[in-house]
Amino acid sequence: MPMYVYETIPAGPADAPQRFEVRQSMSDEPLSVHPDTGAPVRRVVCGGLVTFTNGAASAPAPAGCGASRCCMT
């Protein structure tokens, strides 16, 4: 089963989101609340497309994604 990254949705601008991982089946619905605290969460998409040409890798970042290669969904 794949591992999915989630983060809490901050209640205010001073609050920082907390990231965590959950192992789920691909057919499971995404979580909407943190399993321990009940706080609202959103799934974060990490990874991306990498192409290899003559041993060199090229991976353009999708729009709105940071250097960590994670985007919020």
PDB file of N, CA and C in Angstrom:
ATOM      1  N   MET A   1       0.844  -1.177   0.000  1.00  0.00           N
ATOM      2  CA  MET A   1       0.000   0.000   0.000  1.00  0.00           C
ATOM      3  C   MET A   1       0.892   1.244   0.000  1.00  0.00           C
ATOM      4  N   PRO A   2       0.470   2.279  -0.719  1.00  0.00           N
ATOM      5  CA  PRO A   2       1.270   3.497  -0.771  1.00  0.00           C
ATOM      6  C   PRO A   2       1.153   4.332   0.502  1.00  0.00           C
ATOM      7  N   MET A   3       2.156   5.167   0.707  1.00  0.00           N
ATOM      8  CA  MET A   3       2.187   6.099   1.828  1.00  0.00           C
ATOM      9  C   MET A   3       1.773   7.467   1.306  1.00  0.00           C
ATOM     10  N   TYR A   4       0.830   8.108   1.971  1.00  0.00           N
ATOM     11  CA  TYR A   4       0.353   9.434   1.574  1.00  0.00           C
ATOM     12  C   TYR A   4       0.765  10.457   2.618  1.00  0.00           C
ATOM     13  N   VAL A   5       1.086  11.663   2.164  1.00  0.00           N
ATOM     14  CA  VAL A   5       1.459  12.764   3.043  1.00  0.00           C
ATOM     15  C   VAL A   5       0.246  13.678   3.198  1.00  0.00           C
ATOM     16  N   TYR A   6      -0.059  14.042   4.433  1.00  0.00           N
ATOM     17  CA  TYR A   6      -1.143  14.962   4.751  1.00  0.00           C
ATOM     18  C   TYR A   6      -0.568  16.087   5.604  1.00  0.00           C
ATOM     19  N   GLU A   7      -1.285  17.215   5.644  1.00  0.00           N
ATOM     20  CA  GLU A   7      -0.939  18.269   6.574  1.00  0.00           C
ATOM     21  C   GLU A   7      -2.207  18.877   7.131  1.00  0.00           C
ATOM     22  N   THR A   8      -2.106  19.340   8.374  1.00  0.00           N
ATOM     23  CA  THR A   8      -3.250  19.987   8.991  1.00  0.00           C
ATOM     24  C   THR A   8      -3.485  21.337   8.326  1.00  0.00           C
ATOM     25  N   ILE A   9      -4.732  21.767   8.315  1.00  0.00           N
ATOM     26  CA  ILE A   9      -5.087  23.070   7.767  1.00  0.00           C
ATOM     27  C   ILE A   9      -5.062  24.053   8.937  1.00  0.00           C
ATOM     28  N   PRO A  10      -4.155  25.038   8.898  1.00  0.00           N
ATOM     29  CA  PRO A  10      -4.026  25.965  10.030  1.00  0.00           C
ATOM     30  C   PRO A  10      -5.324  26.733  10.276  1.00  0.00           C
ATOM     31  N   ALA A  11      -5.629  26.959  11.551  1.00  0.00           N
ATOM     32  CA  ALA A  11      -6.824  27.713  11.922  1.00  0.00           C
ATOM     33  C   ALA A  11      -6.642  29.202  11.686  1.00  0.00           C
ATOM     34  N   GLY A  12      -5.392  29.673  11.732  1.00  0.00           N
ATOM     35  CA  GLY A  12      -5.110  31.091  11.529  1.00  0.00           C
ATOM     36  C   GLY A  12      -3.743  31.285  10.913  1.00  0.00           C
ATOM     37  N   PRO A  13      -3.419  32.518  10.520  1.00  0.00           N
ATOM     38  CA  PRO A  13      -2.142  32.781   9.861  1.00  0.00           C
ATOM     39  C   PRO A  13      -0.927  32.544  10.757  1.00  0.00           C
ATOM     40  N   ALA A  14      -1.086  32.590  12.067  1.00  0.00           N
ATOM     41  CA  ALA A  14       0.033  32.366  12.975  1.00  0.00           C
ATOM     42  C   ALA A  14       0.295  30.877  13.218  1.00  0.00           C
ATOM     43  N   ASP A  15      -0.632  30.015  12.830  1.00  0.00           N
ATOM     44  CA  ASP A  15      -0.497  28.575  13.050  1.00  0.00           C
ATOM     45  C   ASP A  15       0.269  27.936  11.893  1.00  0.00           C
ATOM     46  N   ALA A  16       1.138  26.996  12.226  1.00  0.00           N
ATOM     47  CA  ALA A  16       1.901  26.266  11.210  1.00  0.00           C
ATOM     48  C   ALA A  16       1.240  24.911  10.960  1.00  0.00           C
ATOM     49  N   PRO A  17       1.162  24.474   9.695  1.00  0.00           N
ATOM     50  CA  PRO A  17       0.609  23.142   9.416  1.00  0.00           C
ATOM     51  C   PRO A  17       1.560  22.050   9.905  1.00  0.00           C
ATOM     52  N   GLN A  18       0.988  20.938  10.326  1.00  0.00           N
ATOM     53  CA  GLN A  18       1.769  19.786  10.772  1.00  0.00           C
ATOM     54  C   GLN A  18       1.636  18.680   9.736  1.00  0.00           C
ATOM     55  N   ARG A  19       2.751  18.178   9.215  1.00  0.00           N
ATOM     56  CA  ARG A  19       2.712  17.094   8.220  1.00  0.00           C
ATOM     57  C   ARG A  19       2.849  15.743   8.883  1.00  0.00           C
ATOM     58  N   PHE A  20       2.172  14.749   8.286  1.00  0.00           N
ATOM     59  CA  PHE A  20       2.264  13.373   8.753  1.00  0.00           C
ATOM     60  C   PHE A  20       1.990  12.447   7.574  1.00  0.00           C
ATOM     61  N   GLU A  21       2.359  11.190   7.728  1.00  0.00           N
ATOM     62  CA  GLU A  21       2.177  10.196   6.669  1.00  0.00           C
ATOM     63  C   GLU A  21       1.201   9.128   7.118  1.00  0.00           C
ATOM     64  N   VAL A  22       0.431   8.620   6.157  1.00  0.00           N
ATOM     65  CA  VAL A  22      -0.545   7.560   6.424  1.00  0.00           C
ATOM     66  C   VAL A  22      -0.450   6.533   5.304  1.00  0.00           C
ATOM     67  N   ARG A  23      -0.377   5.266   5.661  1.00  0.00           N
ATOM     68  CA  ARG A  23      -0.393   4.192   4.661  1.00  0.00           C
ATOM     69  C   ARG A  23      -1.851   3.863   4.377  1.00  0.00           C
ATOM     70  N   GLN A  24      -2.252   4.037   3.100  1.00  0.00           N
ATOM     71  CA  GLN A  24      -3.631   3.792   2.694  1.00  0.00           C
ATOM     72  C   GLN A  24      -3.648   3.036   1.372  1.00  0.00           C
ATOM     73  N   SER A  25      -4.730   2.337   1.142  1.00  0.00           N
ATOM     74  CA  SER A  25      -4.957   1.711  -0.149  1.00  0.00           C
ATOM     75  C   SER A  25      -5.271   2.800  -1.165  1.00  0.00           C
ATOM     76  N   MET A  26      -4.945   2.577  -2.425  1.00  0.00           N
ATOM     77  CA  MET A  26      -5.227   3.550  -3.467  1.00  0.00           C
ATOM     78  C   MET A  26      -6.730   3.757  -3.640  1.00  0.00           C
ATOM     79  N   SER A  27      -7.531   2.790  -3.235  1.00  0.00           N
ATOM     80  CA  SER A  27      -8.981   2.913  -3.375  1.00  0.00           C
ATOM     81  C   SER A  27      -9.635   3.619  -2.182  1.00  0.00           C
ATOM     82  N   ASP A  28      -8.863   3.878  -1.100  1.00  0.00           N
ATOM     83  CA  ASP A  28      -9.408   4.583   0.065  1.00  0.00           C
ATOM     84  C   ASP A  28      -9.646   6.048  -0.252  1.00  0.00           C
ATOM     85  N   GLU A  29     -10.684   6.617   0.340  1.00  0.00           N
ATOM     86  CA  GLU A  29     -10.941   8.050   0.216  1.00  0.00           C
ATOM     87  C   GLU A  29      -9.855   8.808   0.982  1.00  0.00           C
ATOM     88  N   PRO A  30      -9.460   9.995   0.485  1.00  0.00           N
ATOM     89  CA  PRO A  30      -8.485  10.794   1.235  1.00  0.00           C
ATOM     90  C   PRO A  30      -9.045  11.177   2.607  1.00  0.00           C
ATOM     91  N   LEU A  31      -8.150  11.302   3.588  1.00  0.00           N
ATOM     92  CA  LEU A  31      -8.582  11.726   4.920  1.00  0.00           C
ATOM     93  C   LEU A  31      -9.061  13.169   4.869  1.00  0.00           C
ATOM     94  N   SER A  32     -10.008  13.511   5.723  1.00  0.00           N
ATOM     95  CA  SER A  32     -10.449  14.900   5.847  1.00  0.00           C
ATOM     96  C   SER A  32     -10.138  15.443   7.238  1.00  0.00           C
ATOM     97  N   VAL A  33      -9.853  14.538   8.187  1.00  0.00           N
ATOM     98  CA  VAL A  33      -9.467  14.945   9.540  1.00  0.00           C
ATOM     99  C   VAL A  33      -8.277  14.112  10.001  1.00  0.00           C
ATOM    100  N   HIS A  34      -7.477  14.683  10.908  1.00  0.00           N
ATOM    101  CA  HIS A  34      -6.321  13.985  11.484  1.00  0.00           C
ATOM    102  C   HIS A  34      -6.837  12.798  12.302  1.00  0.00           C
ATOM    103  N   PRO A  35      -6.259  11.607  12.124  1.00  0.00           N
ATOM    104  CA  PRO A  35      -6.773  10.425  12.832  1.00  0.00           C
ATOM    105  C   PRO A  35      -6.645  10.505  14.349  1.00  0.00           C
ATOM    106  N   ASP A  36      -5.688  11.290  14.870  1.00  0.00           N
ATOM    107  CA  ASP A  36      -5.500  11.384  16.317  1.00  0.00           C
ATOM    108  C   ASP A  36      -6.179  12.603  16.932  1.00  0.00           C
ATOM    109  N   THR A  37      -6.115  13.756  16.250  1.00  0.00           N
ATOM    110  CA  THR A  37      -6.602  14.998  16.855  1.00  0.00           C
ATOM    111  C   THR A  37      -7.958  15.448  16.327  1.00  0.00           C
ATOM    112  N   GLY A  38      -8.361  14.978  15.152  1.00  0.00           N
ATOM    113  CA  GLY A  38      -9.617  15.406  14.550  1.00  0.00           C
ATOM    114  C   GLY A  38      -9.520  16.737  13.824  1.00  0.00           C
ATOM    115  N   ALA A  39      -8.309  17.315  13.761  1.00  0.00           N
ATOM    116  CA  ALA A  39      -8.113  18.587  13.057  1.00  0.00           C
ATOM    117  C   ALA A  39      -8.307  18.368  11.557  1.00  0.00           C
ATOM    118  N   PRO A  40      -8.828  19.362  10.833  1.00  0.00           N
ATOM    119  CA  PRO A  40      -8.998  19.210   9.386  1.00  0.00           C
ATOM    120  C   PRO A  40      -7.642  19.091   8.686  1.00  0.00           C
ATOM    121  N   VAL A  41      -7.585  18.230   7.658  1.00  0.00           N
ATOM    122  CA  VAL A  41      -6.332  17.994   6.929  1.00  0.00           C
ATOM    123  C   VAL A  41      -6.562  18.028   5.427  1.00  0.00           C
ATOM    124  N   ARG A  42      -5.476  18.172   4.676  1.00  0.00           N
ATOM    125  CA  ARG A  42      -5.498  18.065   3.217  1.00  0.00           C
ATOM    126  C   ARG A  42      -4.324  17.179   2.816  1.00  0.00           C
ATOM    127  N   ARG A  43      -4.511  16.477   1.704  1.00  0.00           N
ATOM    128  CA  ARG A  43      -3.449  15.611   1.200  1.00  0.00           C
ATOM    129  C   ARG A  43      -2.438  16.465   0.442  1.00  0.00           C
ATOM    130  N   VAL A  44      -1.161  16.134   0.592  1.00  0.00           N
ATOM    131  CA  VAL A  44      -0.076  16.831  -0.078  1.00  0.00           C
ATOM    132  C   VAL A  44       0.518  15.867  -1.099  1.00  0.00           C
ATOM    133  N   VAL A  45       0.637  16.308  -2.338  1.00  0.00           N
ATOM    134  CA  VAL A  45       1.194  15.462  -3.385  1.00  0.00           C
ATOM    135  C   VAL A  45       2.687  15.719  -3.461  1.00  0.00           C
ATOM    136  N   CYS A  46       3.485  14.663  -3.297  1.00  0.00           N
ATOM    137  CA  CYS A  46       4.938  14.773  -3.369  1.00  0.00           C
ATOM    138  C   CYS A  46       5.449  13.901  -4.508  1.00  0.00           C
ATOM    139  N   GLY A  47       6.576  14.285  -5.060  1.00  0.00           N
ATOM    140  CA  GLY A  47       7.169  13.524  -6.147  1.00  0.00           C
ATOM    141  C   GLY A  47       7.008  14.279  -7.432  1.00  0.00           C
ATOM    142  N   GLY A  48       7.045  13.575  -8.523  1.00  0.00           N
ATOM    143  CA  GLY A  48       6.876  14.230  -9.808  1.00  0.00           C
ATOM    144  C   GLY A  48       7.520  13.437 -10.914  1.00  0.00           C
ATOM    145  N   LEU A  49       7.469  14.009 -12.074  1.00  0.00           N
ATOM    146  CA  LEU A  49       8.002  13.374 -13.261  1.00  0.00           C
ATOM    147  C   LEU A  49       9.470  13.722 -13.423  1.00  0.00           C
ATOM    148  N   VAL A  50      10.284  12.730 -13.631  1.00  0.00           N
ATOM    149  CA  VAL A  50      11.707  12.935 -13.884  1.00  0.00           C
ATOM    150  C   VAL A  50      12.043  12.216 -15.176  1.00  0.00           C
ATOM    151  N   THR A  51      12.713  12.910 -16.081  1.00  0.00           N
ATOM    152  CA  THR A  51      13.140  12.277 -17.326  1.00  0.00           C
ATOM    153  C   THR A  51      14.660  12.158 -17.326  1.00  0.00           C
ATOM    154  N   PHE A  52      15.163  11.050 -17.829  1.00  0.00           N
ATOM    155  CA  PHE A  52      16.600  10.810 -17.897  1.00  0.00           C
ATOM    156  C   PHE A  52      17.034  10.816 -19.351  1.00  0.00           C
ATOM    157  N   THR A  53      18.081  11.597 -19.639  1.00  0.00           N
ATOM    158  CA  THR A  53      18.645  11.664 -20.981  1.00  0.00           C
ATOM    159  C   THR A  53      20.161  11.584 -20.881  1.00  0.00           C
ATOM    160  N   ASN A  54      20.725  10.546 -21.434  1.00  0.00           N
ATOM    161  CA  ASN A  54      22.179  10.365 -21.392  1.00  0.00           C
ATOM    162  C   ASN A  54      22.742  10.471 -19.979  1.00  0.00           C
ATOM    163  N   GLY A  55      22.041   9.916 -19.014  1.00  0.00           N
ATOM    164  CA  GLY A  55      22.518   9.895 -17.636  1.00  0.00           C
ATOM    165  C   GLY A  55      22.209  11.147 -16.839  1.00  0.00           C
ATOM    166  N   ALA A  56      21.658  12.183 -17.452  1.00  0.00           N
ATOM    167  CA  ALA A  56      21.324  13.411 -16.729  1.00  0.00           C
ATOM    168  C   ALA A  56      19.819  13.423 -16.447  1.00  0.00           C
ATOM    169  N   ALA A  57      19.456  13.922 -15.288  1.00  0.00           N
ATOM    170  CA  ALA A  57      18.045  13.985 -14.924  1.00  0.00           C
ATOM    171  C   ALA A  57      17.536  15.407 -15.077  1.00  0.00           C
ATOM    172  N   SER A  58      16.316  15.523 -15.555  1.00  0.00           N
ATOM    173  CA  SER A  58      15.667  16.818 -15.684  1.00  0.00           C
ATOM    174  C   SER A  58      14.282  16.701 -15.088  1.00  0.00           C
ATOM    175  N   ALA A  59      13.960  17.593 -14.142  1.00  0.00           N
ATOM    176  CA  ALA A  59      12.656  17.528 -13.488  1.00  0.00           C
ATOM    177  C   ALA A  59      12.118  18.929 -13.250  1.00  0.00           C
ATOM    178  N   PRO A  60      11.406  19.490 -14.231  1.00  0.00           N
ATOM    179  CA  PRO A  60      10.842  20.820 -14.005  1.00  0.00           C
ATOM    180  C   PRO A  60       9.761  20.773 -12.935  1.00  0.00           C
ATOM    181  N   ALA A  61       9.766  21.761 -12.040  1.00  0.00           N
ATOM    182  CA  ALA A  61       8.771  21.823 -10.972  1.00  0.00           C
ATOM    183  C   ALA A  61       7.449  22.317 -11.531  1.00  0.00           C
ATOM    184  N   PRO A  62       6.349  21.650 -11.199  1.00  0.00           N
ATOM    185  CA  PRO A  62       5.046  22.135 -11.627  1.00  0.00           C
ATOM    186  C   PRO A  62       4.760  23.508 -11.022  1.00  0.00           C
ATOM    187  N   ALA A  63       3.937  24.307 -11.669  1.00  0.00           N
ATOM    188  CA  ALA A  63       3.594  25.624 -11.161  1.00  0.00           C
ATOM    189  C   ALA A  63       2.984  25.527  -9.776  1.00  0.00           C
ATOM    190  N   GLY A  64       3.429  26.357  -8.859  1.00  0.00           N
ATOM    191  CA  GLY A  64       2.900  26.377  -7.509  1.00  0.00           C
ATOM    192  C   GLY A  64       3.539  25.400  -6.571  1.00  0.00           C
ATOM    193  N   CYS A  65       4.553  24.668  -7.026  1.00  0.00           N
ATOM    194  CA  CYS A  65       5.210  23.682  -6.183  1.00  0.00           C
ATOM    195  C   CYS A  65       6.555  24.222  -5.731  1.00  0.00           C
ATOM    196  N   GLY A  66       6.930  23.893  -4.504  1.00  0.00           N
ATOM    197  CA  GLY A  66       8.197  24.360  -3.963  1.00  0.00           C
ATOM    198  C   GLY A  66       9.335  23.412  -4.267  1.00  0.00           C
ATOM    199  N   ALA A  67      10.501  23.761  -3.746  1.00  0.00           N
ATOM    200  CA  ALA A  67      11.710  22.962  -3.989  1.00  0.00           C
ATOM    201  C   ALA A  67      11.610  21.580  -3.385  1.00  0.00           C
ATOM    202  N   SER A  68      10.727  21.379  -2.403  1.00  0.00           N
ATOM    203  CA  SER A  68      10.585  20.078  -1.749  1.00  0.00           C
ATOM    204  C   SER A  68       9.837  19.094  -2.635  1.00  0.00           C
ATOM    205  N   ARG A  69       9.353  19.570  -3.802  1.00  0.00           N
ATOM    206  CA  ARG A  69       8.614  18.741  -4.758  1.00  0.00           C
ATOM    207  C   ARG A  69       7.282  18.284  -4.167  1.00  0.00           C
ATOM    208  N   CYS A  70       6.700  19.068  -3.267  1.00  0.00           N
ATOM    209  CA  CYS A  70       5.390  18.762  -2.705  1.00  0.00           C
ATOM    210  C   CYS A  70       4.414  19.871  -3.058  1.00  0.00           C
ATOM    211  N   CYS A  71       3.199  19.486  -3.414  1.00  0.00           N
ATOM    212  CA  CYS A  71       2.156  20.444  -3.755  1.00  0.00           C
ATOM    213  C   CYS A  71       0.914  20.083  -2.951  1.00  0.00           C
ATOM    214  N   MET A  72       0.163  21.089  -2.526  1.00  0.00           N
ATOM    215  CA  MET A  72      -1.067  20.829  -1.794  1.00  0.00           C
ATOM    216  C   MET A  72      -2.191  20.539  -2.759  1.00  0.00           C
ATOM    217  N   THR A  73      -3.066  19.593  -2.401  1.00  0.00           N
ATOM    218  CA  THR A  73      -4.209  19.269  -3.245  1.00  0.00           C
ATOM    219  C   THR A  73      -5.480  19.685  -2.574  1.00  0.00           C
TER     220      THR A  73
END
